[in-house]
Amino acid sequence: MADTTTDYPMIVPLPEMSAARKAEVADLLVGAIDLHCHSGPAAMPRILGHTEAFRMAEEAGFKALLYKDHYYVGMPHCAVLKDIYPDSKVQLFSGVALNNASGGINPHAVDHSIKLGGKIVWFPTFAAKNHIEAYASKSFPKTAKPMLAPIPLTVLDANGRLIDEAKQICDLIAEGDVILAGGHLNVPELFALFEEAKKRGVRKLMVNHPSYIVGCSDDDIRGLVELGAYMEHSICMFIPGRAKQHETEDLIHMMEVAGVDRTILGSDLGLTQAPKPVDGYRMIVSDLLDHQVSKADIRKITSANAAGLLGLAA
């Protein structure tokens, strides 16, 4: 569960590191890719905007940054920033999350996103039936202003079969060769969706934070990896902040279950009472070094594997 016992500041600072460790971490983050940056503007409170997230990634030598918002596509923001900073080296991307604000499980929203340059399609997150049921009796971070209650979304019909809209979206994703991310669907939904997606030619499958909301067991992770999926673990869940749920040992275990070649780290940061995204990467990389994870493996999970999904040179 999230850490509700610690009174974290609005922005959790980067802990002190020795000069040698700072240099070691900085070197490992050159070429890093964040596929899960939650900067703002956003309906939910954020501790930094897209410009600051971009500039921090640029200063750290990141290869790419992918903005995720639960309610809107971020490609226009990427284009504006690249116009303002034409000499920047970090590449900017975004995609569409299939929540109610995008029309739900909506092929038109996916088609528009891909045509606008979107690189990822997240199936329902906050509007997922699975998410809504999981938080029916629990607290969850609220939007800055009250919004309409979400309409629960699932990719399965009353008979447990994949709905036609999900199949059409798989076809669009296959044609566009972009990433299909599972969002906050549950395990049975993920297997049904990923199995059909694979049949329809989707080549890039990713499970978001398998240990949170989705509810993957070790066997589930192995089964999804066998289908070709990558496991994307949210850094925010392993470092100091209100979203922390696990220790670094838990991350290492899940890396071993999926295999390093099928593991990706995304910050999932920008939320309040947490570090900024690049600082989150610095924290987790330092923790992994403390746990004797090899530098080669760290580079795979922070850069090379995500580069492959984005079609970038590792």
C-alpha atoms as a PDB file:
ATOM      1  CA  MET A   1       0.000   0.000   0.000  1.00  0.00           C
ATOM      2  CA  ALA A   2       1.004   3.631  -0.413  1.00  0.00           C
ATOM      3  CA  ASP A   3       2.981   5.236   2.389  1.00  0.00           C
ATOM      4  CA  THR A   4       0.368   7.159   4.391  1.00  0.00           C
ATOM      5  CA  THR A   5       2.338   7.172   7.649  1.00  0.00           C
ATOM      6  CA  THR A   6       5.080   9.634   6.666  1.00  0.00           C
ATOM      7  CA  ASP A   7       4.551  13.383   6.376  1.00  0.00           C
ATOM      8  CA  TYR A   8       6.431  14.087   3.156  1.00  0.00           C
ATOM      9  CA  PRO A   9       7.114  17.628   1.894  1.00  0.00           C
ATOM     10  CA  MET A  10       5.448  18.784  -1.325  1.00  0.00           C
ATOM     11  CA  ILE A  11       8.693  18.062  -3.210  1.00  0.00           C
ATOM     12  CA  VAL A  12      10.848  15.286  -1.746  1.00  0.00           C
ATOM     13  CA  PRO A  13      14.496  16.365  -2.098  1.00  0.00           C
ATOM     14  CA  LEU A  14      17.301  14.261  -3.482  1.00  0.00           C
ATOM     15  CA  PRO A  15      19.321  12.753  -0.592  1.00  0.00           C
ATOM     16  CA  GLU A  16      22.964  13.643  -0.202  1.00  0.00           C
ATOM     17  CA  MET A  17      25.371  11.489  -2.224  1.00  0.00           C
ATOM     18  CA  SER A  18      29.138  11.349  -2.275  1.00  0.00           C
ATOM     19  CA  ALA A  19      30.842  13.029  -5.202  1.00  0.00           C
ATOM     20  CA  ALA A  20      31.845   9.621  -6.550  1.00  0.00           C
ATOM     21  CA  ARG A  21      28.291   8.268  -6.352  1.00  0.00           C
ATOM     22  CA  LYS A  22      26.864  11.425  -7.984  1.00  0.00           C
ATOM     23  CA  ALA A  23      29.255  10.974 -10.897  1.00  0.00           C
ATOM     24  CA  GLU A  24      28.465   7.272 -11.170  1.00  0.00           C
ATOM     25  CA  VAL A  25      24.711   7.905 -11.241  1.00  0.00           C
ATOM     26  CA  ALA A  26      25.045  10.823 -13.652  1.00  0.00           C
ATOM     27  CA  ASP A  27      26.987   8.664 -16.088  1.00  0.00           C
ATOM     28  CA  LEU A  28      24.360   5.898 -15.968  1.00  0.00           C
ATOM     29  CA  LEU A  29      21.551   8.350 -16.714  1.00  0.00           C
ATOM     30  CA  VAL A  30      23.072   9.681 -19.905  1.00  0.00           C
ATOM     31  CA  GLY A  31      20.747   8.265 -22.555  1.00  0.00           C
ATOM     32  CA  ALA A  32      17.967   7.424 -20.074  1.00  0.00           C
ATOM     33  CA  ILE A  33      14.341   7.373 -21.219  1.00  0.00           C
ATOM     34  CA  ASP A  34      11.288   8.120 -19.073  1.00  0.00           C
ATOM     35  CA  LEU A  35       8.108   6.645 -20.587  1.00  0.00           C
ATOM     36  CA  HIS A  36       5.906   7.800 -17.692  1.00  0.00           C
ATOM     37  CA  CYS A  37       6.395  11.491 -16.825  1.00  0.00           C
ATOM     38  CA  HIS A  38       3.429  13.118 -15.046  1.00  0.00           C
ATOM     39  CA  SER A  39       4.318  16.794 -15.328  1.00  0.00           C
ATOM     40  CA  GLY A  40       1.659  19.468 -15.795  1.00  0.00           C
ATOM     41  CA  PRO A  41      -0.553  21.254 -16.622  1.00  0.00           C
ATOM     42  CA  ALA A  42      -2.924  18.588 -15.365  1.00  0.00           C
ATOM     43  CA  ALA A  43      -6.276  18.201 -13.654  1.00  0.00           C
ATOM     44  CA  MET A  44      -4.395  16.678 -10.724  1.00  0.00           C
ATOM     45  CA  PRO A  45      -1.897  18.783  -8.718  1.00  0.00           C
ATOM     46  CA  ARG A  46       1.661  18.508 -10.063  1.00  0.00           C
ATOM     47  CA  ILE A  47       5.000  19.688  -8.678  1.00  0.00           C
ATOM     48  CA  LEU A  48       6.501  20.664 -12.035  1.00  0.00           C
ATOM     49  CA  GLY A  49       5.419  21.568 -15.534  1.00  0.00           C
ATOM     50  CA  HIS A  50       6.325  20.052 -18.880  1.00  0.00           C
ATOM     51  CA  THR A  51       9.006  22.682 -19.518  1.00  0.00           C
ATOM     52  CA  GLU A  52      10.826  22.059 -16.248  1.00  0.00           C
ATOM     53  CA  ALA A  53      10.607  18.287 -16.689  1.00  0.00           C
ATOM     54  CA  PHE A  54      12.031  18.667 -20.192  1.00  0.00           C
ATOM     55  CA  ARG A  55      14.874  20.937 -19.085  1.00  0.00           C
ATOM     56  CA  MET A  56      15.834  18.675 -16.177  1.00  0.00           C
ATOM     57  CA  ALA A  57      15.918  15.675 -18.532  1.00  0.00           C
ATOM     58  CA  GLU A  58      18.009  17.682 -21.003  1.00  0.00           C
ATOM     59  CA  GLU A  59      20.510  18.705 -18.329  1.00  0.00           C
ATOM     60  CA  ALA A  60      20.827  15.091 -17.172  1.00  0.00           C
ATOM     61  CA  GLY A  61      21.507  13.879 -20.711  1.00  0.00           C
ATOM     62  CA  PHE A  62      18.301  11.869 -21.163  1.00  0.00           C
ATOM     63  CA  LYS A  63      17.609  10.526 -24.623  1.00  0.00           C
ATOM     64  CA  ALA A  64      13.830  10.891 -24.446  1.00  0.00           C
ATOM     65  CA  LEU A  65      10.927  11.924 -22.255  1.00  0.00           C
ATOM     66  CA  LEU A  66       7.329  10.783 -22.724  1.00  0.00           C
ATOM     67  CA  TYR A  67       4.576  12.844 -21.119  1.00  0.00           C
ATOM     68  CA  LYS A  68       1.589  10.984 -19.726  1.00  0.00           C
ATOM     69  CA  ASP A  69      -1.674  12.625 -18.781  1.00  0.00           C
ATOM     70  CA  HIS A  70      -4.795  10.683 -17.899  1.00  0.00           C
ATOM     71  CA  TYR A  71      -7.063  13.140 -19.697  1.00  0.00           C
ATOM     72  CA  TYR A  72      -5.359  14.657 -22.748  1.00  0.00           C
ATOM     73  CA  VAL A  73      -2.745  13.960 -25.416  1.00  0.00           C
ATOM     74  CA  GLY A  74       0.604  15.702 -24.927  1.00  0.00           C
ATOM     75  CA  MET A  75       1.962  15.801 -28.471  1.00  0.00           C
ATOM     76  CA  PRO A  76       1.109  19.502 -29.007  1.00  0.00           C
ATOM     77  CA  HIS A  77       3.133  20.379 -25.894  1.00  0.00           C
ATOM     78  CA  CYS A  78       6.048  18.379 -27.292  1.00  0.00           C
ATOM     79  CA  ALA A  79       5.887  20.248 -30.593  1.00  0.00           C
ATOM     80  CA  VAL A  80       5.762  23.669 -28.902  1.00  0.00           C
ATOM     81  CA  LEU A  81       8.742  22.860 -26.675  1.00  0.00           C
ATOM     82  CA  LYS A  82      10.784  21.645 -29.627  1.00  0.00           C
ATOM     83  CA  ASP A  83       9.976  24.898 -31.433  1.00  0.00           C
ATOM     84  CA  ILE A  84      11.172  26.897 -28.430  1.00  0.00           C
ATOM     85  CA  TYR A  85      14.270  24.748 -27.897  1.00  0.00           C
ATOM     86  CA  PRO A  86      15.235  23.576 -31.403  1.00  0.00           C
ATOM     87  CA  ASP A  87      18.779  22.641 -30.384  1.00  0.00           C
ATOM     88  CA  SER A  88      17.781  20.353 -27.528  1.00  0.00           C
ATOM     89  CA  LYS A  89      18.928  16.753 -27.728  1.00  0.00           C
ATOM     90  CA  VAL A  90      16.212  15.088 -25.642  1.00  0.00           C
ATOM     91  CA  GLN A  91      13.330  13.797 -27.733  1.00  0.00           C
ATOM     92  CA  LEU A  92       9.780  14.425 -26.527  1.00  0.00           C
ATOM     93  CA  PHE A  93       6.815  12.080 -26.958  1.00  0.00           C
ATOM     94  CA  SER A  94       3.313  11.450 -25.642  1.00  0.00           C
ATOM     95  CA  GLY A  95       0.195   9.424 -26.401  1.00  0.00           C
ATOM     96  CA  VAL A  96      -3.433   8.927 -25.454  1.00  0.00           C
ATOM     97  CA  ALA A  97      -5.036   7.422 -22.346  1.00  0.00           C
ATOM     98  CA  LEU A  98      -8.407   5.820 -23.073  1.00  0.00           C
ATOM     99  CA  ASN A  99     -10.371   7.295 -20.187  1.00  0.00           C
ATOM    100  CA  ASN A 100     -13.764   8.994 -20.360  1.00  0.00           C
ATOM    101  CA  ALA A 101     -12.253  12.354 -21.385  1.00  0.00           C
ATOM    102  CA  SER A 102     -10.998  10.683 -24.589  1.00  0.00           C
ATOM    103  CA  GLY A 103     -14.311   8.941 -25.224  1.00  0.00           C
ATOM    104  CA  GLY A 104     -13.331   5.773 -23.399  1.00  0.00           C
ATOM    105  CA  ILE A 105     -12.187   2.781 -25.443  1.00  0.00           C
ATOM    106  CA  ASN A 106     -12.432   4.934 -28.531  1.00  0.00           C
ATOM    107  CA  PRO A 107     -10.783   4.020 -31.877  1.00  0.00           C
ATOM    108  CA  HIS A 108     -11.209   7.607 -33.102  1.00  0.00           C
ATOM    109  CA  ALA A 109      -9.113   8.937 -30.232  1.00  0.00           C
ATOM    110  CA  VAL A 110      -6.419   6.357 -30.990  1.00  0.00           C
ATOM    111  CA  ASP A 111      -6.429   7.150 -34.696  1.00  0.00           C
ATOM    112  CA  HIS A 112      -6.089  10.873 -33.965  1.00  0.00           C
ATOM    113  CA  SER A 113      -3.287  10.298 -31.461  1.00  0.00           C
ATOM    114  CA  ILE A 114      -1.254   8.160 -33.850  1.00  0.00           C
ATOM    115  CA  LYS A 115      -1.747  10.609 -36.727  1.00  0.00           C
ATOM    116  CA  LEU A 116      -0.562  13.411 -34.413  1.00  0.00           C
ATOM    117  CA  GLY A 117       2.626  11.485 -33.649  1.00  0.00           C
ATOM    118  CA  GLY A 118       1.578   9.674 -30.473  1.00  0.00           C
ATOM    119  CA  LYS A 119       3.845   6.793 -29.508  1.00  0.00           C
ATOM    120  CA  ILE A 120       1.714   4.993 -26.933  1.00  0.00           C
ATOM    121  CA  VAL A 121      -1.895   4.061 -26.234  1.00  0.00           C
ATOM    122  CA  TRP A 122      -2.771   3.496 -22.582  1.00  0.00           C
ATOM    123  CA  PHE A 123      -5.924   1.488 -22.063  1.00  0.00           C
ATOM    124  CA  PRO A 124      -8.164   2.873 -19.275  1.00  0.00           C
ATOM    125  CA  THR A 125      -6.428   4.060 -16.123  1.00  0.00           C
ATOM    126  CA  PHE A 126      -8.512   6.062 -13.624  1.00  0.00           C
ATOM    127  CA  ALA A 127     -11.707   5.151 -15.509  1.00  0.00           C
ATOM    128  CA  ALA A 128     -10.896   1.435 -15.603  1.00  0.00           C
ATOM    129  CA  LYS A 129     -13.567  -0.625 -13.850  1.00  0.00           C
ATOM    130  CA  ASN A 130     -10.713  -2.395 -12.089  1.00  0.00           C
ATOM    131  CA  HIS A 131      -9.304   0.898 -10.763  1.00  0.00           C
ATOM    132  CA  ILE A 132     -12.699   2.206  -9.624  1.00  0.00           C
ATOM    133  CA  GLU A 133     -13.499  -1.010  -7.776  1.00  0.00           C
ATOM    134  CA  ALA A 134     -10.058  -1.118  -6.155  1.00  0.00           C
ATOM    135  CA  TYR A 135     -10.553   2.362  -4.700  1.00  0.00           C
ATOM    136  CA  ALA A 136     -14.235   2.088  -3.827  1.00  0.00           C
ATOM    137  CA  SER A 137     -13.400   2.136  -0.118  1.00  0.00           C
ATOM    138  CA  LYS A 138      -9.924   3.714  -0.227  1.00  0.00           C
ATOM    139  CA  SER A 139      -8.508   7.192  -0.639  1.00  0.00           C
ATOM    140  CA  PHE A 140      -6.966   8.138  -3.963  1.00  0.00           C
ATOM    141  CA  PRO A 141      -5.357  11.472  -5.014  1.00  0.00           C
ATOM    142  CA  LYS A 142      -8.038  13.875  -6.170  1.00  0.00           C
ATOM    143  CA  THR A 143      -8.135  16.318  -9.065  1.00  0.00           C
ATOM    144  CA  ALA A 144      -7.609  19.983  -8.150  1.00  0.00           C
ATOM    145  CA  LYS A 145     -11.264  20.677  -8.979  1.00  0.00           C
ATOM    146  CA  PRO A 146     -14.089  18.127  -8.721  1.00  0.00           C
ATOM    147  CA  MET A 147     -14.791  16.310 -11.988  1.00  0.00           C
ATOM    148  CA  LEU A 148     -17.656  14.180 -13.205  1.00  0.00           C
ATOM    149  CA  ALA A 149     -17.629  10.699 -11.743  1.00  0.00           C
ATOM    150  CA  PRO A 150     -15.958   8.274 -14.160  1.00  0.00           C
ATOM    151  CA  ILE A 151     -17.962   5.755 -16.145  1.00  0.00           C
ATOM    152  CA  PRO A 152     -16.332   2.352 -15.464  1.00  0.00           C
ATOM    153  CA  LEU A 153     -14.564   0.940 -18.515  1.00  0.00           C
ATOM    154  CA  THR A 154     -13.545  -2.617 -19.377  1.00  0.00           C
ATOM    155  CA  VAL A 155     -12.312  -4.294 -22.548  1.00  0.00           C
ATOM    156  CA  LEU A 156     -14.517  -7.343 -21.923  1.00  0.00           C
ATOM    157  CA  ASP A 157     -18.199  -7.765 -22.715  1.00  0.00           C
ATOM    158  CA  ALA A 158     -20.774  -9.466 -20.463  1.00  0.00           C
ATOM    159  CA  ASN A 159     -19.585 -12.856 -21.766  1.00  0.00           C
ATOM    160  CA  GLY A 160     -15.943 -12.163 -21.007  1.00  0.00           C
ATOM    161  CA  ARG A 161     -15.013 -11.622 -24.655  1.00  0.00           C
ATOM    162  CA  LEU A 162     -12.921  -8.740 -25.959  1.00  0.00           C
ATOM    163  CA  ILE A 163     -15.111  -5.908 -27.239  1.00  0.00           C
ATOM    164  CA  ASP A 164     -14.973  -4.931 -30.922  1.00  0.00           C
ATOM    165  CA  GLU A 165     -13.628  -1.434 -30.158  1.00  0.00           C
ATOM    166  CA  ALA A 166     -10.598  -2.954 -28.437  1.00  0.00           C
ATOM    167  CA  LYS A 167      -9.958  -5.155 -31.456  1.00  0.00           C
ATOM    168  CA  GLN A 168     -10.142  -2.159 -33.800  1.00  0.00           C
ATOM    169  CA  ILE A 169      -7.747  -0.264 -31.558  1.00  0.00           C
ATOM    170  CA  CYS A 170      -5.319  -3.197 -31.719  1.00  0.00           C
ATOM    171  CA  ASP A 171      -5.425  -2.950 -35.517  1.00  0.00           C
ATOM    172  CA  LEU A 172      -4.662   0.778 -35.367  1.00  0.00           C
ATOM    173  CA  ILE A 173      -1.796   0.210 -32.943  1.00  0.00           C
ATOM    174  CA  ALA A 174      -0.365  -2.531 -35.163  1.00  0.00           C
ATOM    175  CA  GLU A 175      -0.584  -0.322 -38.242  1.00  0.00           C
ATOM    176  CA  GLY A 176       1.034   2.612 -36.432  1.00  0.00           C
ATOM    177  CA  ASP A 177       3.640   0.388 -34.739  1.00  0.00           C
ATOM    178  CA  VAL A 178       3.165   2.170 -31.407  1.00  0.00           C
ATOM    179  CA  ILE A 179       3.112   0.869 -27.836  1.00  0.00           C
ATOM    180  CA  LEU A 180       0.018  -0.792 -26.392  1.00  0.00           C
ATOM    181  CA  ALA A 181       0.061  -0.198 -22.628  1.00  0.00           C
ATOM    182  CA  GLY A 182      -2.351  -2.003 -20.336  1.00  0.00           C
ATOM    183  CA  GLY A 183      -3.163   0.958 -18.093  1.00  0.00           C
ATOM    184  CA  HIS A 184      -5.109  -0.121 -15.004  1.00  0.00           C
ATOM    185  CA  LEU A 185      -6.862  -3.147 -16.484  1.00  0.00           C
ATOM    186  CA  ASN A 186      -6.795  -6.282 -14.362  1.00  0.00           C
ATOM    187  CA  VAL A 187      -4.928  -9.478 -15.163  1.00  0.00           C
ATOM    188  CA  PRO A 188      -7.733 -11.341 -17.030  1.00  0.00           C
ATOM    189  CA  GLU A 189      -8.345  -8.241 -19.168  1.00  0.00           C
ATOM    190  CA  LEU A 190      -4.632  -7.906 -19.916  1.00  0.00           C
ATOM    191  CA  PHE A 191      -4.311 -11.493 -21.082  1.00  0.00           C
ATOM    192  CA  ALA A 192      -7.397 -11.240 -23.302  1.00  0.00           C
ATOM    193  CA  LEU A 193      -6.229  -7.929 -24.762  1.00  0.00           C
ATOM    194  CA  PHE A 194      -2.584  -8.882 -25.258  1.00  0.00           C
ATOM    195  CA  GLU A 195      -3.390 -12.256 -26.791  1.00  0.00           C
ATOM    196  CA  GLU A 196      -5.686 -10.614 -29.353  1.00  0.00           C
ATOM    197  CA  ALA A 197      -3.248  -7.780 -29.943  1.00  0.00           C
ATOM    198  CA  LYS A 198      -0.474 -10.234 -30.713  1.00  0.00           C
ATOM    199  CA  LYS A 199      -2.710 -12.072 -33.197  1.00  0.00           C
ATOM    200  CA  ARG A 200      -3.431  -8.763 -34.895  1.00  0.00           C
ATOM    201  CA  GLY A 201       0.211  -7.846 -35.318  1.00  0.00           C
ATOM    202  CA  VAL A 202       0.877  -5.555 -32.358  1.00  0.00           C
ATOM    203  CA  ARG A 203       4.605  -5.725 -31.687  1.00  0.00           C
ATOM    204  CA  LYS A 204       4.992  -3.493 -28.620  1.00  0.00           C
ATOM    205  CA  LEU A 205       3.179  -4.564 -25.456  1.00  0.00           C
ATOM    206  CA  MET A 206       3.742  -3.058 -22.018  1.00  0.00           C
ATOM    207  CA  VAL A 207       2.219  -3.660 -18.590  1.00  0.00           C
ATOM    208  CA  ASN A 208       2.134  -0.554 -16.388  1.00  0.00           C
ATOM    209  CA  HIS A 209       3.142  -1.060 -12.724  1.00  0.00           C
ATOM    210  CA  PRO A 210       2.223  -4.786 -12.580  1.00  0.00           C
ATOM    211  CA  SER A 211       2.390  -4.788  -8.768  1.00  0.00           C
ATOM    212  CA  TYR A 212      -0.094  -1.899  -8.381  1.00  0.00           C
ATOM    213  CA  ILE A 213      -3.837  -2.007  -9.223  1.00  0.00           C
ATOM    214  CA  VAL A 214      -3.183  -4.580 -11.981  1.00  0.00           C
ATOM    215  CA  GLY A 215      -2.409  -7.261  -9.405  1.00  0.00           C
ATOM    216  CA  CYS A 216       0.092  -9.443 -11.262  1.00  0.00           C
ATOM    217  CA  SER A 217       1.494 -12.491  -9.521  1.00  0.00           C
ATOM    218  CA  ASP A 218       4.913 -13.806 -10.489  1.00  0.00           C
ATOM    219  CA  ASP A 219       3.234 -16.374 -12.734  1.00  0.00           C
ATOM    220  CA  ASP A 220       1.148 -13.637 -14.359  1.00  0.00           C
ATOM    221  CA  ILE A 221       4.297 -11.657 -15.101  1.00  0.00           C
ATOM    222  CA  ARG A 222       5.916 -14.716 -16.649  1.00  0.00           C
ATOM    223  CA  GLY A 223       2.828 -15.401 -18.756  1.00  0.00           C
ATOM    224  CA  LEU A 224       2.595 -11.821 -20.023  1.00  0.00           C
ATOM    225  CA  VAL A 225       6.302 -11.794 -20.832  1.00  0.00           C
ATOM    226  CA  GLU A 226       5.785 -14.992 -22.840  1.00  0.00           C
ATOM    227  CA  LEU A 227       3.273 -13.015 -24.919  1.00  0.00           C
ATOM    228  CA  GLY A 228       6.027 -10.485 -25.596  1.00  0.00           C
ATOM    229  CA  ALA A 229       5.137  -7.868 -23.002  1.00  0.00           C
ATOM    230  CA  TYR A 230       7.501  -5.583 -21.115  1.00  0.00           C
ATOM    231  CA  MET A 231       6.958  -4.869 -17.417  1.00  0.00           C
ATOM    232  CA  GLU A 232       7.146  -1.150 -16.682  1.00  0.00           C
ATOM    233  CA  HIS A 233       7.779  -0.481 -12.987  1.00  0.00           C
ATOM    234  CA  SER A 234       6.975   2.925 -11.526  1.00  0.00           C
ATOM    235  CA  ILE A 235       9.998   4.408  -9.765  1.00  0.00           C
ATOM    236  CA  CYS A 236       7.681   6.374  -7.450  1.00  0.00           C
ATOM    237  CA  MET A 237       6.682   3.120  -5.756  1.00  0.00           C
ATOM    238  CA  PHE A 238      10.227   2.254  -4.659  1.00  0.00           C
ATOM    239  CA  ILE A 239      11.626   5.580  -3.418  1.00  0.00           C
ATOM    240  CA  PRO A 240      10.663   8.024  -0.631  1.00  0.00           C
ATOM    241  CA  GLY A 241       7.294   9.675  -1.284  1.00  0.00           C
ATOM    242  CA  ARG A 242       3.611   9.119  -0.635  1.00  0.00           C
ATOM    243  CA  ALA A 243       3.339   6.599  -3.504  1.00  0.00           C
ATOM    244  CA  LYS A 244       5.999   4.293  -2.051  1.00  0.00           C
ATOM    245  CA  GLN A 245       4.757   0.714  -1.698  1.00  0.00           C
ATOM    246  CA  HIS A 246       7.829  -1.471  -2.068  1.00  0.00           C
ATOM    247  CA  GLU A 247      11.496  -1.793  -1.232  1.00  0.00           C
ATOM    248  CA  THR A 248      14.292  -2.037  -3.781  1.00  0.00           C
ATOM    249  CA  GLU A 249      14.516  -5.779  -3.098  1.00  0.00           C
ATOM    250  CA  ASP A 250      10.962  -6.144  -4.421  1.00  0.00           C
ATOM    251  CA  LEU A 251      11.944  -4.421  -7.662  1.00  0.00           C
ATOM    252  CA  ILE A 252      14.969  -6.676  -8.047  1.00  0.00           C
ATOM    253  CA  HIS A 253      12.757  -9.723  -7.509  1.00  0.00           C
ATOM    254  CA  MET A 254      10.334  -8.610 -10.217  1.00  0.00           C
ATOM    255  CA  MET A 255      13.259  -7.885 -12.528  1.00  0.00           C
ATOM    256  CA  GLU A 256      14.403 -11.459 -12.017  1.00  0.00           C
ATOM    257  CA  VAL A 257      10.894 -12.827 -12.660  1.00  0.00           C
ATOM    258  CA  ALA A 258      10.432 -10.950 -15.961  1.00  0.00           C
ATOM    259  CA  GLY A 259      14.087 -10.876 -16.978  1.00  0.00           C
ATOM    260  CA  VAL A 260      16.114  -7.706 -17.341  1.00  0.00           C
ATOM    261  CA  ASP A 261      15.515  -7.673 -21.085  1.00  0.00           C
ATOM    262  CA  ARG A 262      11.763  -7.301 -20.443  1.00  0.00           C
ATOM    263  CA  THR A 263      11.935  -4.753 -17.621  1.00  0.00           C
ATOM    264  CA  ILE A 264      11.575  -0.979 -17.921  1.00  0.00           C
ATOM    265  CA  LEU A 265      11.670   1.768 -15.314  1.00  0.00           C
ATOM    266  CA  GLY A 266       9.390   4.787 -15.766  1.00  0.00           C
ATOM    267  CA  SER A 267       9.279   7.552 -13.194  1.00  0.00           C
ATOM    268  CA  ASP A 268       5.468   7.890 -12.791  1.00  0.00           C
ATOM    269  CA  LEU A 269       6.495  11.116 -11.047  1.00  0.00           C
ATOM    270  CA  GLY A 270       5.243  14.664 -11.060  1.00  0.00           C
ATOM    271  CA  LEU A 271       2.741  13.953  -8.296  1.00  0.00           C
ATOM    272  CA  THR A 272       2.885  15.890  -5.027  1.00  0.00           C
ATOM    273  CA  GLN A 273       4.808  14.675  -1.972  1.00  0.00           C
ATOM    274  CA  ALA A 274       7.357  12.980  -4.202  1.00  0.00           C
ATOM    275  CA  PRO A 275      10.678  13.732  -5.899  1.00  0.00           C
ATOM    276  CA  LYS A 276      10.825  15.301  -9.343  1.00  0.00           C
ATOM    277  CA  PRO A 277      11.162  12.745 -12.158  1.00  0.00           C
ATOM    278  CA  VAL A 278      14.898  13.020 -12.854  1.00  0.00           C
ATOM    279  CA  ASP A 279      15.659  12.998  -9.133  1.00  0.00           C
ATOM    280  CA  GLY A 280      13.573   9.847  -8.870  1.00  0.00           C
ATOM    281  CA  TYR A 281      15.837   8.216 -11.430  1.00  0.00           C
ATOM    282  CA  ARG A 282      18.882   9.333  -9.461  1.00  0.00           C
ATOM    283  CA  MET A 283      17.468   7.786  -6.296  1.00  0.00           C
ATOM    284  CA  ILE A 284      16.544   4.415  -7.769  1.00  0.00           C
ATOM    285  CA  VAL A 285      19.801   4.066  -9.711  1.00  0.00           C
ATOM    286  CA  SER A 286      21.768   4.745  -6.533  1.00  0.00           C
ATOM    287  CA  ASP A 287      19.654   2.181  -4.665  1.00  0.00           C
ATOM    288  CA  LEU A 288      20.203  -0.418  -7.385  1.00  0.00           C
ATOM    289  CA  LEU A 289      23.958   0.182  -7.240  1.00  0.00           C
ATOM    290  CA  ASP A 290      23.804  -0.306  -3.464  1.00  0.00           C
ATOM    291  CA  HIS A 291      22.135  -3.669  -4.136  1.00  0.00           C
ATOM    292  CA  GLN A 292      24.890  -4.740  -6.534  1.00  0.00           C
ATOM    293  CA  VAL A 293      22.779  -4.556  -9.701  1.00  0.00           C
ATOM    294  CA  SER A 294      25.170  -4.349 -12.628  1.00  0.00           C
ATOM    295  CA  LYS A 295      25.586  -1.143 -14.588  1.00  0.00           C
ATOM    296  CA  ALA A 296      24.771  -3.035 -17.783  1.00  0.00           C
ATOM    297  CA  ASP A 297      21.426  -4.106 -16.333  1.00  0.00           C
ATOM    298  CA  ILE A 298      20.692  -0.603 -15.058  1.00  0.00           C
ATOM    299  CA  ARG A 299      21.275   0.811 -18.536  1.00  0.00           C
ATOM    300  CA  LYS A 300      18.895  -1.760 -20.012  1.00  0.00           C
ATOM    301  CA  ILE A 301      16.029  -0.941 -17.682  1.00  0.00           C
ATOM    302  CA  THR A 302      16.511   2.840 -17.765  1.00  0.00           C
ATOM    303  CA  SER A 303      17.340   3.264 -21.455  1.00  0.00           C
ATOM    304  CA  ALA A 304      17.903   0.446 -23.943  1.00  0.00           C
ATOM    305  CA  ASN A 305      14.622  -1.426 -23.515  1.00  0.00           C
ATOM    306  CA  ALA A 306      12.516   1.737 -23.748  1.00  0.00           C
ATOM    307  CA  ALA A 307      14.557   2.891 -26.743  1.00  0.00           C
ATOM    308  CA  GLY A 308      13.540  -0.261 -28.561  1.00  0.00           C
ATOM    309  CA  LEU A 309       9.849   0.435 -27.918  1.00  0.00           C
ATOM    310  CA  LEU A 310      10.202   3.992 -29.214  1.00  0.00           C
ATOM    311  CA  GLY A 311      12.186   2.905 -32.272  1.00  0.00           C
ATOM    312  CA  LEU A 312      15.279   4.818 -31.126  1.00  0.00           C
ATOM    313  CA  ALA A 313      18.875   3.679 -31.279  1.00  0.00           C
ATOM    314  CA  ALA A 314      19.934   2.285 -27.900  1.00  0.00           C
END
